[in-house]
Amino acid sequence: MYVFDLDGTLVESVEAHVSAWLEALRRLGVEARYEEVRPLMGLPAREIAARLLPERAEELARLKNALFLEKYLALVRPYQDAEVLGRLPRPMAVVTSSSGYVARRVLEATGLAQYVDFVVGGDEVPRGKPAPDPLYLVAKRFSVDVKDMVVVGDSDYDMEMAENAGALGVCIARRGACRKAKRIITSLYQLL
């Protein structure tokens, strides 16, 4: 069974998320630099918010999600090779650090929702990436052993989640190779 990360793996959205975080921080009176926010991408949104503004983390996360959907969703595009999802075996899942609601909206807006049978957001599990909890939820939903999962992602957090669960971690090296990947690909077409 294939389990995909969303942001940076299937869709070009990382910069839109960073911009939404930076704007949300500004609206709450905090000036942050791109270099402070960008490395946090891939962590659950609630953890990003807690690291950026611990005393107002919940408020920050809510504002960021609202801004992302209102202003930045229109900037998100699927990677060209994401069309391969229509040629891979089902069922298929997406596990993301974004909120489940935001992820579903992204999948709908980019036309990828038709290929995905289940979405697990970082806010829908007790512990998000790099913990294995999201993969355990997928395994339970489809009665699949995690050892039979191929986890495709673009970050070390994705690969650590796969390793922690005993799944095969495949890194799509869009920005560079992941340190803990079992396999590295440069295009999703290589999954065929």
N, C-alpha and C. Protein backbone atom coordinates (compact mmCIF):
# COMPACT_ATOMS: atom_id res chain seq x y z
N MET A 1 0.85 -1.18 0.00
CA MET A 1 0.00 0.00 0.00
C MET A 1 0.89 1.24 0.00
N TYR A 2 0.51 2.22 -0.84
CA TYR A 2 1.24 3.48 -0.89
C TYR A 2 0.64 4.50 0.07
N VAL A 3 1.53 5.17 0.81
CA VAL A 3 1.15 6.26 1.70
C VAL A 3 2.04 7.45 1.31
N PHE A 4 1.40 8.55 0.95
CA PHE A 4 2.14 9.72 0.49
C PHE A 4 2.07 10.86 1.49
N ASP A 5 3.17 11.57 1.60
CA ASP A 5 3.17 12.89 2.20
C ASP A 5 2.48 13.80 1.19
N LEU A 6 2.04 14.97 1.60
CA LEU A 6 1.35 15.88 0.69
C LEU A 6 2.25 17.04 0.26
N ASP A 7 2.57 17.92 1.18
CA ASP A 7 3.29 19.15 0.88
C ASP A 7 4.74 18.87 0.52
N GLY A 8 5.14 19.26 -0.69
CA GLY A 8 6.49 19.02 -1.14
C GLY A 8 6.67 17.67 -1.81
N THR A 9 5.68 16.80 -1.70
CA THR A 9 5.73 15.48 -2.32
C THR A 9 4.76 15.40 -3.49
N LEU A 10 3.49 15.68 -3.24
CA LEU A 10 2.48 15.65 -4.29
C LEU A 10 2.16 17.05 -4.82
N VAL A 11 2.28 18.04 -3.95
CA VAL A 11 1.93 19.41 -4.35
C VAL A 11 3.02 20.39 -3.96
N GLU A 12 3.16 21.43 -4.79
CA GLU A 12 4.06 22.54 -4.49
C GLU A 12 3.30 23.49 -3.59
N SER A 13 3.52 23.37 -2.30
CA SER A 13 2.76 24.16 -1.34
C SER A 13 3.59 24.68 -0.18
N VAL A 14 4.82 24.23 -0.09
CA VAL A 14 5.64 24.57 1.08
C VAL A 14 5.80 26.09 1.21
N GLU A 15 6.08 26.77 0.11
CA GLU A 15 6.27 28.22 0.17
C GLU A 15 4.97 28.92 0.58
N ALA A 16 3.83 28.41 0.12
CA ALA A 16 2.54 28.98 0.50
C ALA A 16 2.31 28.81 2.00
N HIS A 17 2.67 27.64 2.54
CA HIS A 17 2.53 27.42 3.99
C HIS A 17 3.45 28.35 4.78
N VAL A 18 4.69 28.48 4.33
CA VAL A 18 5.63 29.37 5.03
C VAL A 18 5.09 30.80 5.02
N SER A 19 4.59 31.25 3.88
CA SER A 19 4.03 32.61 3.78
C SER A 19 2.85 32.79 4.71
N ALA A 20 2.00 31.78 4.83
CA ALA A 20 0.84 31.87 5.73
C ALA A 20 1.30 31.94 7.19
N TRP A 21 2.32 31.15 7.56
CA TRP A 21 2.86 31.22 8.92
C TRP A 21 3.42 32.60 9.21
N LEU A 22 4.19 33.14 8.28
CA LEU A 22 4.81 34.45 8.48
C LEU A 22 3.75 35.55 8.61
N GLU A 23 2.71 35.49 7.78
CA GLU A 23 1.65 36.49 7.87
C GLU A 23 0.88 36.36 9.18
N ALA A 24 0.59 35.13 9.57
CA ALA A 24 -0.12 34.91 10.84
C ALA A 24 0.68 35.47 12.01
N LEU A 25 1.98 35.23 12.00
CA LEU A 25 2.84 35.77 13.06
C LEU A 25 2.80 37.30 13.07
N ARG A 26 2.91 37.91 11.88
CA ARG A 26 2.86 39.38 11.78
C ARG A 26 1.56 39.92 12.35
N ARG A 27 0.46 39.25 12.03
CA ARG A 27 -0.85 39.71 12.51
C ARG A 27 -0.96 39.61 14.03
N LEU A 28 -0.16 38.73 14.61
CA LEU A 28 -0.13 38.60 16.06
C LEU A 28 1.00 39.42 16.68
N GLY A 29 1.63 40.27 15.86
CA GLY A 29 2.64 41.19 16.37
C GLY A 29 4.04 40.63 16.48
N VAL A 30 4.32 39.54 15.78
CA VAL A 30 5.64 38.92 15.86
C VAL A 30 6.28 38.94 14.48
N GLU A 31 7.47 39.50 14.41
CA GLU A 31 8.23 39.47 13.16
C GLU A 31 9.15 38.26 13.18
N ALA A 32 8.98 37.39 12.21
CA ALA A 32 9.83 36.20 12.11
C ALA A 32 10.47 36.20 10.73
N ARG A 33 11.58 35.51 10.62
CA ARG A 33 12.28 35.41 9.35
C ARG A 33 11.96 34.09 8.68
N TYR A 34 12.00 34.10 7.37
CA TYR A 34 11.79 32.90 6.55
C TYR A 34 12.68 31.76 7.05
N GLU A 35 13.94 32.08 7.34
CA GLU A 35 14.91 31.07 7.76
C GLU A 35 14.54 30.42 9.10
N GLU A 36 13.70 31.08 9.88
CA GLU A 36 13.25 30.49 11.15
C GLU A 36 12.09 29.53 10.94
N VAL A 37 11.27 29.82 9.95
CA VAL A 37 10.04 29.06 9.73
C VAL A 37 10.24 27.89 8.78
N ARG A 38 10.99 28.08 7.70
CA ARG A 38 11.13 27.05 6.66
C ARG A 38 11.60 25.70 7.20
N PRO A 39 12.60 25.63 8.09
CA PRO A 39 13.06 24.32 8.57
C PRO A 39 12.00 23.55 9.38
N LEU A 40 10.96 24.22 9.82
CA LEU A 40 9.92 23.56 10.62
C LEU A 40 8.89 22.85 9.76
N MET A 41 8.90 23.12 8.45
CA MET A 41 7.92 22.48 7.57
C MET A 41 8.13 20.97 7.59
N GLY A 42 7.04 20.26 7.75
CA GLY A 42 7.09 18.80 7.88
C GLY A 42 6.71 18.35 9.27
N LEU A 43 6.78 19.26 10.23
CA LEU A 43 6.30 18.96 11.58
C LEU A 43 4.79 19.23 11.64
N PRO A 44 4.11 18.62 12.60
CA PRO A 44 2.69 18.92 12.77
C PRO A 44 2.47 20.42 13.04
N ALA A 45 1.40 20.96 12.49
CA ALA A 45 1.12 22.39 12.62
C ALA A 45 1.09 22.84 14.08
N ARG A 46 0.53 22.02 14.95
CA ARG A 46 0.46 22.44 16.36
C ARG A 46 1.85 22.54 16.97
N GLU A 47 2.77 21.69 16.50
CA GLU A 47 4.15 21.77 17.01
C GLU A 47 4.88 22.98 16.44
N ILE A 48 4.64 23.28 15.17
CA ILE A 48 5.23 24.48 14.57
C ILE A 48 4.76 25.72 15.34
N ALA A 49 3.46 25.78 15.59
CA ALA A 49 2.89 26.93 16.32
C ALA A 49 3.49 27.03 17.72
N ALA A 50 3.66 25.89 18.38
CA ALA A 50 4.23 25.89 19.74
C ALA A 50 5.68 26.36 19.74
N ARG A 51 6.41 26.04 18.70
CA ARG A 51 7.81 26.47 18.62
C ARG A 51 7.91 27.96 18.29
N LEU A 52 7.00 28.45 17.45
CA LEU A 52 7.06 29.84 17.01
C LEU A 52 6.49 30.82 18.03
N LEU A 53 5.40 30.41 18.69
CA LEU A 53 4.73 31.33 19.62
C LEU A 53 4.04 30.50 20.71
N PRO A 54 4.83 29.95 21.63
CA PRO A 54 4.30 28.98 22.61
C PRO A 54 3.09 29.48 23.40
N GLU A 55 3.11 30.76 23.79
CA GLU A 55 2.03 31.26 24.64
C GLU A 55 0.72 31.49 23.89
N ARG A 56 0.77 31.48 22.55
CA ARG A 56 -0.44 31.69 21.75
C ARG A 56 -0.51 30.69 20.61
N ALA A 57 0.00 29.49 20.84
CA ALA A 57 0.15 28.49 19.78
C ALA A 57 -1.17 28.12 19.12
N GLU A 58 -2.20 27.87 19.91
CA GLU A 58 -3.48 27.47 19.34
C GLU A 58 -4.06 28.57 18.46
N GLU A 59 -3.99 29.80 18.94
CA GLU A 59 -4.48 30.95 18.17
C GLU A 59 -3.68 31.10 16.87
N LEU A 60 -2.37 30.94 16.95
CA LEU A 60 -1.51 31.06 15.78
C LEU A 60 -1.86 29.99 14.74
N ALA A 61 -2.01 28.76 15.17
CA ALA A 61 -2.32 27.67 14.24
C ALA A 61 -3.66 27.91 13.54
N ARG A 62 -4.66 28.34 14.30
CA ARG A 62 -5.98 28.62 13.70
C ARG A 62 -5.89 29.73 12.66
N LEU A 63 -5.17 30.82 13.02
CA LEU A 63 -5.04 31.95 12.11
C LEU A 63 -4.26 31.54 10.86
N LYS A 64 -3.20 30.79 11.03
CA LYS A 64 -2.40 30.34 9.88
C LYS A 64 -3.27 29.52 8.93
N ASN A 65 -4.05 28.57 9.44
CA ASN A 65 -4.89 27.75 8.58
C ASN A 65 -5.92 28.59 7.84
N ALA A 66 -6.53 29.54 8.54
CA ALA A 66 -7.53 30.41 7.91
C ALA A 66 -6.88 31.23 6.79
N LEU A 67 -5.72 31.80 7.06
CA LEU A 67 -5.01 32.58 6.04
C LEU A 67 -4.60 31.71 4.86
N PHE A 68 -4.12 30.52 5.14
CA PHE A 68 -3.70 29.62 4.07
C PHE A 68 -4.87 29.33 3.13
N LEU A 69 -6.01 28.98 3.69
CA LEU A 69 -7.16 28.65 2.86
C LEU A 69 -7.71 29.87 2.12
N GLU A 70 -7.68 31.01 2.78
CA GLU A 70 -8.24 32.23 2.21
C GLU A 70 -7.33 32.86 1.14
N LYS A 71 -6.02 32.91 1.39
CA LYS A 71 -5.13 33.66 0.53
C LYS A 71 -4.11 32.83 -0.24
N TYR A 72 -3.71 31.69 0.28
CA TYR A 72 -2.58 30.98 -0.29
C TYR A 72 -2.92 29.67 -1.00
N LEU A 73 -4.09 29.13 -0.77
CA LEU A 73 -4.48 27.87 -1.42
C LEU A 73 -4.43 28.00 -2.94
N ALA A 74 -4.79 29.15 -3.46
CA ALA A 74 -4.81 29.37 -4.91
C ALA A 74 -3.41 29.27 -5.53
N LEU A 75 -2.36 29.37 -4.71
CA LEU A 75 -0.98 29.28 -5.21
C LEU A 75 -0.47 27.84 -5.29
N VAL A 76 -1.19 26.92 -4.69
CA VAL A 76 -0.74 25.53 -4.61
C VAL A 76 -1.02 24.81 -5.93
N ARG A 77 -0.02 24.09 -6.41
CA ARG A 77 -0.13 23.34 -7.66
C ARG A 77 0.36 21.91 -7.44
N PRO A 78 -0.29 20.94 -8.13
CA PRO A 78 0.25 19.58 -8.05
C PRO A 78 1.53 19.49 -8.87
N TYR A 79 2.46 18.69 -8.42
CA TYR A 79 3.63 18.41 -9.25
C TYR A 79 3.15 17.62 -10.45
N GLN A 80 3.79 17.82 -11.59
CA GLN A 80 3.37 17.14 -12.82
C GLN A 80 3.36 15.63 -12.64
N ASP A 81 4.35 15.09 -11.94
CA ASP A 81 4.44 13.64 -11.79
C ASP A 81 3.42 13.07 -10.80
N ALA A 82 2.65 13.93 -10.13
CA ALA A 82 1.62 13.45 -9.21
C ALA A 82 0.50 12.73 -9.95
N GLU A 83 0.40 12.93 -11.25
CA GLU A 83 -0.62 12.23 -12.02
C GLU A 83 -0.42 10.72 -11.98
N VAL A 84 0.75 10.28 -11.57
CA VAL A 84 1.03 8.85 -11.45
C VAL A 84 0.10 8.18 -10.44
N LEU A 85 -0.48 8.94 -9.53
CA LEU A 85 -1.40 8.37 -8.54
C LEU A 85 -2.53 7.60 -9.22
N GLY A 86 -2.96 8.06 -10.36
CA GLY A 86 -4.03 7.38 -11.09
C GLY A 86 -3.62 6.04 -11.68
N ARG A 87 -2.33 5.73 -11.64
CA ARG A 87 -1.82 4.47 -12.22
C ARG A 87 -1.30 3.50 -11.16
N LEU A 88 -1.34 3.91 -9.91
CA LEU A 88 -0.85 3.05 -8.82
C LEU A 88 -2.02 2.28 -8.20
N PRO A 89 -1.72 1.13 -7.58
CA PRO A 89 -2.79 0.32 -6.97
C PRO A 89 -3.44 1.03 -5.78
N ARG A 90 -4.70 0.76 -5.57
CA ARG A 90 -5.47 1.30 -4.46
C ARG A 90 -5.61 0.20 -3.42
N PRO A 91 -5.88 0.52 -2.17
CA PRO A 91 -6.12 1.85 -1.64
C PRO A 91 -4.83 2.65 -1.52
N MET A 92 -5.01 3.97 -1.37
CA MET A 92 -3.90 4.89 -1.25
C MET A 92 -4.25 5.91 -0.17
N ALA A 93 -3.25 6.30 0.60
CA ALA A 93 -3.49 7.25 1.69
C ALA A 93 -2.50 8.42 1.61
N VAL A 94 -2.91 9.51 2.21
CA VAL A 94 -2.04 10.67 2.40
C VAL A 94 -1.92 10.89 3.89
N VAL A 95 -0.69 11.02 4.36
CA VAL A 95 -0.39 11.35 5.75
C VAL A 95 0.38 12.66 5.72
N THR A 96 -0.15 13.65 6.40
CA THR A 96 0.44 14.98 6.35
C THR A 96 0.55 15.58 7.74
N SER A 97 1.46 16.53 7.87
CA SER A 97 1.56 17.27 9.12
C SER A 97 0.57 18.42 9.17
N SER A 98 0.04 18.79 8.01
CA SER A 98 -0.99 19.84 7.97
C SER A 98 -2.25 19.34 8.66
N SER A 99 -3.18 20.24 8.93
CA SER A 99 -4.44 19.80 9.49
C SER A 99 -5.17 18.97 8.45
N GLY A 100 -5.93 18.00 8.89
CA GLY A 100 -6.68 17.15 7.97
C GLY A 100 -7.61 17.94 7.08
N TYR A 101 -8.26 18.94 7.67
CA TYR A 101 -9.19 19.77 6.90
C TYR A 101 -8.47 20.52 5.79
N VAL A 102 -7.33 21.11 6.10
CA VAL A 102 -6.55 21.84 5.11
C VAL A 102 -6.06 20.88 4.03
N ALA A 103 -5.58 19.72 4.41
CA ALA A 103 -5.08 18.73 3.44
C ALA A 103 -6.18 18.31 2.47
N ARG A 104 -7.36 18.07 2.99
CA ARG A 104 -8.47 17.66 2.11
C ARG A 104 -8.83 18.77 1.13
N ARG A 105 -8.78 20.01 1.59
CA ARG A 105 -9.04 21.15 0.70
C ARG A 105 -7.96 21.26 -0.38
N VAL A 106 -6.70 21.03 0.00
CA VAL A 106 -5.60 21.06 -0.97
C VAL A 106 -5.80 19.97 -2.02
N LEU A 107 -6.12 18.76 -1.58
CA LEU A 107 -6.33 17.65 -2.52
C LEU A 107 -7.49 17.94 -3.47
N GLU A 108 -8.56 18.52 -2.96
CA GLU A 108 -9.70 18.87 -3.81
C GLU A 108 -9.30 19.96 -4.81
N ALA A 109 -8.64 21.00 -4.33
CA ALA A 109 -8.27 22.14 -5.18
C ALA A 109 -7.30 21.75 -6.29
N THR A 110 -6.48 20.76 -6.04
CA THR A 110 -5.48 20.35 -7.04
C THR A 110 -5.93 19.18 -7.90
N GLY A 111 -7.13 18.65 -7.65
CA GLY A 111 -7.65 17.54 -8.44
C GLY A 111 -7.10 16.18 -8.06
N LEU A 112 -6.39 16.09 -6.95
CA LEU A 112 -5.80 14.82 -6.53
C LEU A 112 -6.69 14.01 -5.60
N ALA A 113 -7.75 14.60 -5.10
CA ALA A 113 -8.63 13.91 -4.14
C ALA A 113 -9.19 12.61 -4.71
N GLN A 114 -9.42 12.57 -6.01
CA GLN A 114 -10.02 11.39 -6.64
C GLN A 114 -9.15 10.13 -6.51
N TYR A 115 -7.86 10.30 -6.24
CA TYR A 115 -6.95 9.16 -6.14
C TYR A 115 -6.70 8.70 -4.72
N VAL A 116 -7.14 9.48 -3.76
CA VAL A 116 -6.78 9.23 -2.36
C VAL A 116 -7.98 8.69 -1.59
N ASP A 117 -7.78 7.55 -0.93
CA ASP A 117 -8.86 6.89 -0.21
C ASP A 117 -8.96 7.30 1.25
N PHE A 118 -7.90 7.87 1.80
CA PHE A 118 -7.89 8.19 3.22
C PHE A 118 -6.83 9.26 3.47
N VAL A 119 -7.16 10.23 4.29
CA VAL A 119 -6.24 11.31 4.65
C VAL A 119 -6.11 11.36 6.16
N VAL A 120 -4.87 11.43 6.64
CA VAL A 120 -4.62 11.59 8.07
C VAL A 120 -3.84 12.89 8.25
N GLY A 121 -4.46 13.85 8.93
CA GLY A 121 -3.80 15.12 9.23
C GLY A 121 -3.05 15.03 10.54
N GLY A 122 -2.10 15.92 10.70
CA GLY A 122 -1.31 15.96 11.92
C GLY A 122 -2.14 16.25 13.16
N ASP A 123 -3.30 16.85 12.95
CA ASP A 123 -4.19 17.16 14.08
C ASP A 123 -5.18 16.03 14.36
N GLU A 124 -5.06 14.92 13.64
CA GLU A 124 -6.02 13.82 13.79
C GLU A 124 -5.42 12.58 14.45
N VAL A 125 -4.22 12.74 14.96
CA VAL A 125 -3.54 11.65 15.68
C VAL A 125 -2.91 12.23 16.95
N PRO A 126 -2.72 11.39 17.97
CA PRO A 126 -2.10 11.89 19.20
C PRO A 126 -0.70 12.46 18.96
N ARG A 127 0.08 11.77 18.11
CA ARG A 127 1.43 12.23 17.79
C ARG A 127 1.60 12.18 16.28
N GLY A 128 1.99 13.31 15.71
CA GLY A 128 2.23 13.36 14.27
C GLY A 128 3.65 12.97 13.93
N LYS A 129 4.02 13.18 12.67
CA LYS A 129 5.37 12.87 12.22
C LYS A 129 6.39 13.54 13.14
N PRO A 130 7.47 12.90 13.44
CA PRO A 130 8.00 11.64 12.93
C PRO A 130 7.52 10.40 13.69
N ALA A 131 6.58 10.56 14.60
CA ALA A 131 6.02 9.39 15.32
C ALA A 131 5.28 8.50 14.32
N PRO A 132 5.17 7.22 14.60
CA PRO A 132 4.52 6.29 13.68
C PRO A 132 2.99 6.29 13.75
N ASP A 133 2.40 7.04 14.66
CA ASP A 133 0.95 7.01 14.88
C ASP A 133 0.11 7.14 13.61
N PRO A 134 0.44 8.08 12.69
CA PRO A 134 -0.40 8.19 11.49
C PRO A 134 -0.42 6.90 10.66
N LEU A 135 0.71 6.23 10.58
CA LEU A 135 0.76 4.98 9.81
C LEU A 135 -0.01 3.87 10.49
N TYR A 136 -0.01 3.86 11.82
CA TYR A 136 -0.81 2.86 12.54
C TYR A 136 -2.29 3.06 12.26
N LEU A 137 -2.72 4.32 12.16
CA LEU A 137 -4.11 4.62 11.86
C LEU A 137 -4.48 4.13 10.45
N VAL A 138 -3.60 4.37 9.49
CA VAL A 138 -3.83 3.89 8.12
C VAL A 138 -3.90 2.36 8.11
N ALA A 139 -2.97 1.72 8.82
CA ALA A 139 -2.94 0.25 8.87
C ALA A 139 -4.24 -0.31 9.43
N LYS A 140 -4.72 0.31 10.49
CA LYS A 140 -5.98 -0.14 11.10
C LYS A 140 -7.15 0.06 10.13
N ARG A 141 -7.20 1.21 9.47
CA ARG A 141 -8.31 1.54 8.57
C ARG A 141 -8.43 0.54 7.42
N PHE A 142 -7.28 0.08 6.89
CA PHE A 142 -7.30 -0.80 5.73
C PHE A 142 -6.89 -2.24 6.05
N SER A 143 -6.71 -2.56 7.33
CA SER A 143 -6.27 -3.89 7.75
C SER A 143 -5.01 -4.32 6.98
N VAL A 144 -4.04 -3.43 6.98
CA VAL A 144 -2.78 -3.66 6.28
C VAL A 144 -1.66 -3.60 7.32
N ASP A 145 -0.69 -4.48 7.19
CA ASP A 145 0.48 -4.44 8.07
C ASP A 145 1.37 -3.27 7.64
N VAL A 146 1.86 -2.49 8.60
CA VAL A 146 2.71 -1.35 8.25
C VAL A 146 3.96 -1.79 7.48
N LYS A 147 4.38 -2.99 7.67
CA LYS A 147 5.55 -3.50 6.94
C LYS A 147 5.27 -3.64 5.45
N ASP A 148 3.99 -3.63 5.08
CA ASP A 148 3.59 -3.71 3.67
C ASP A 148 3.32 -2.33 3.07
N MET A 149 3.70 -1.27 3.77
CA MET A 149 3.48 0.09 3.29
C MET A 149 4.75 0.66 2.68
N VAL A 150 4.55 1.42 1.61
CA VAL A 150 5.61 2.21 1.01
C VAL A 150 5.25 3.66 1.29
N VAL A 151 6.08 4.32 2.10
CA VAL A 151 5.83 5.71 2.49
C VAL A 151 6.70 6.61 1.61
N VAL A 152 6.04 7.47 0.83
CA VAL A 152 6.75 8.35 -0.08
C VAL A 152 6.65 9.77 0.46
N GLY A 153 7.80 10.39 0.72
CA GLY A 153 7.82 11.74 1.25
C GLY A 153 9.08 12.47 0.85
N ASP A 154 9.14 13.74 1.23
CA ASP A 154 10.27 14.58 0.82
C ASP A 154 11.12 15.07 2.00
N SER A 155 10.82 14.59 3.21
CA SER A 155 11.55 15.12 4.36
C SER A 155 12.05 14.00 5.28
N ASP A 156 13.00 14.38 6.12
CA ASP A 156 13.49 13.43 7.11
C ASP A 156 12.37 12.99 8.06
N TYR A 157 11.41 13.89 8.33
CA TYR A 157 10.28 13.54 9.20
C TYR A 157 9.47 12.38 8.60
N ASP A 158 9.29 12.40 7.28
CA ASP A 158 8.57 11.31 6.61
C ASP A 158 9.32 10.00 6.74
N MET A 159 10.64 10.07 6.52
CA MET A 159 11.46 8.86 6.56
C MET A 159 11.56 8.31 7.98
N GLU A 160 11.64 9.20 8.98
CA GLU A 160 11.68 8.76 10.37
C GLU A 160 10.36 8.10 10.76
N MET A 161 9.24 8.66 10.29
CA MET A 161 7.93 8.05 10.57
C MET A 161 7.89 6.63 10.00
N ALA A 162 8.34 6.47 8.74
CA ALA A 162 8.35 5.16 8.11
C ALA A 162 9.23 4.19 8.89
N GLU A 163 10.42 4.64 9.23
CA GLU A 163 11.36 3.79 9.97
C GLU A 163 10.79 3.41 11.34
N ASN A 164 10.21 4.38 12.03
CA ASN A 164 9.64 4.12 13.36
C ASN A 164 8.49 3.12 13.32
N ALA A 165 7.80 3.03 12.18
CA ALA A 165 6.68 2.09 12.05
C ALA A 165 7.09 0.76 11.44
N GLY A 166 8.28 0.72 10.83
CA GLY A 166 8.71 -0.51 10.15
C GLY A 166 8.28 -0.55 8.70
N ALA A 167 7.91 0.59 8.13
CA ALA A 167 7.52 0.68 6.72
C ALA A 167 8.74 1.04 5.87
N LEU A 168 8.59 0.91 4.56
CA LEU A 168 9.66 1.27 3.63
C LEU A 168 9.56 2.76 3.32
N GLY A 169 10.60 3.52 3.62
CA GLY A 169 10.62 4.96 3.34
C GLY A 169 11.29 5.26 2.02
N VAL A 170 10.55 5.90 1.12
CA VAL A 170 11.08 6.28 -0.19
C VAL A 170 11.06 7.80 -0.27
N CYS A 171 12.24 8.38 -0.47
CA CYS A 171 12.36 9.84 -0.53
C CYS A 171 12.25 10.33 -1.97
N ILE A 172 11.33 11.24 -2.22
CA ILE A 172 11.28 11.95 -3.49
C ILE A 172 12.18 13.17 -3.30
N ALA A 173 13.32 13.15 -3.92
CA ALA A 173 14.36 14.15 -3.68
C ALA A 173 14.12 15.39 -4.53
N ARG A 174 13.10 16.13 -4.18
CA ARG A 174 12.79 17.36 -4.92
C ARG A 174 13.74 18.49 -4.54
N ARG A 175 14.14 18.55 -3.28
CA ARG A 175 15.07 19.59 -2.81
C ARG A 175 16.41 18.99 -2.40
N GLY A 176 16.47 17.70 -2.28
CA GLY A 176 17.66 17.00 -1.82
C GLY A 176 17.25 15.70 -1.17
N ALA A 177 18.21 14.83 -0.98
CA ALA A 177 17.91 13.51 -0.43
C ALA A 177 17.64 13.57 1.06
N CYS A 178 16.74 12.71 1.51
CA CYS A 178 16.43 12.56 2.94
C CYS A 178 17.51 11.64 3.54
N ARG A 179 17.90 11.94 4.76
CA ARG A 179 18.97 11.17 5.39
C ARG A 179 18.60 9.71 5.67
N LYS A 180 17.37 9.45 6.08
CA LYS A 180 17.01 8.10 6.53
C LYS A 180 16.21 7.30 5.51
N ALA A 181 16.24 7.71 4.25
CA ALA A 181 15.48 7.01 3.22
C ALA A 181 16.08 5.63 2.93
N LYS A 182 15.23 4.67 2.70
CA LYS A 182 15.68 3.34 2.27
C LYS A 182 15.89 3.34 0.76
N ARG A 183 15.11 4.18 0.06
CA ARG A 183 15.24 4.36 -1.39
C ARG A 183 15.09 5.84 -1.69
N ILE A 184 15.75 6.28 -2.76
CA ILE A 184 15.64 7.68 -3.19
C ILE A 184 15.23 7.69 -4.66
N ILE A 185 14.22 8.51 -4.96
CA ILE A 185 13.77 8.68 -6.34
C ILE A 185 13.78 10.17 -6.66
N THR A 186 13.82 10.48 -7.94
CA THR A 186 13.80 11.88 -8.36
C THR A 186 12.49 12.25 -9.06
N SER A 187 11.66 11.25 -9.31
CA SER A 187 10.35 11.46 -9.93
C SER A 187 9.39 10.40 -9.41
N LEU A 188 8.14 10.79 -9.21
CA LEU A 188 7.13 9.82 -8.78
C LEU A 188 6.88 8.76 -9.84
N TYR A 189 7.23 9.04 -11.09
CA TYR A 189 7.08 8.03 -12.16
C TYR A 189 7.92 6.80 -11.87
N GLN A 190 8.98 6.96 -11.10
CA GLN A 190 9.84 5.83 -10.76
C GLN A 190 9.13 4.80 -9.89
N LEU A 191 8.00 5.17 -9.30
CA LEU A 191 7.24 4.22 -8.49
C LEU A 191 6.59 3.14 -9.37
N LEU A 192 6.42 3.45 -10.64
CA LEU A 192 5.82 2.46 -11.56
C LEU A 192 6.80 1.33 -11.84
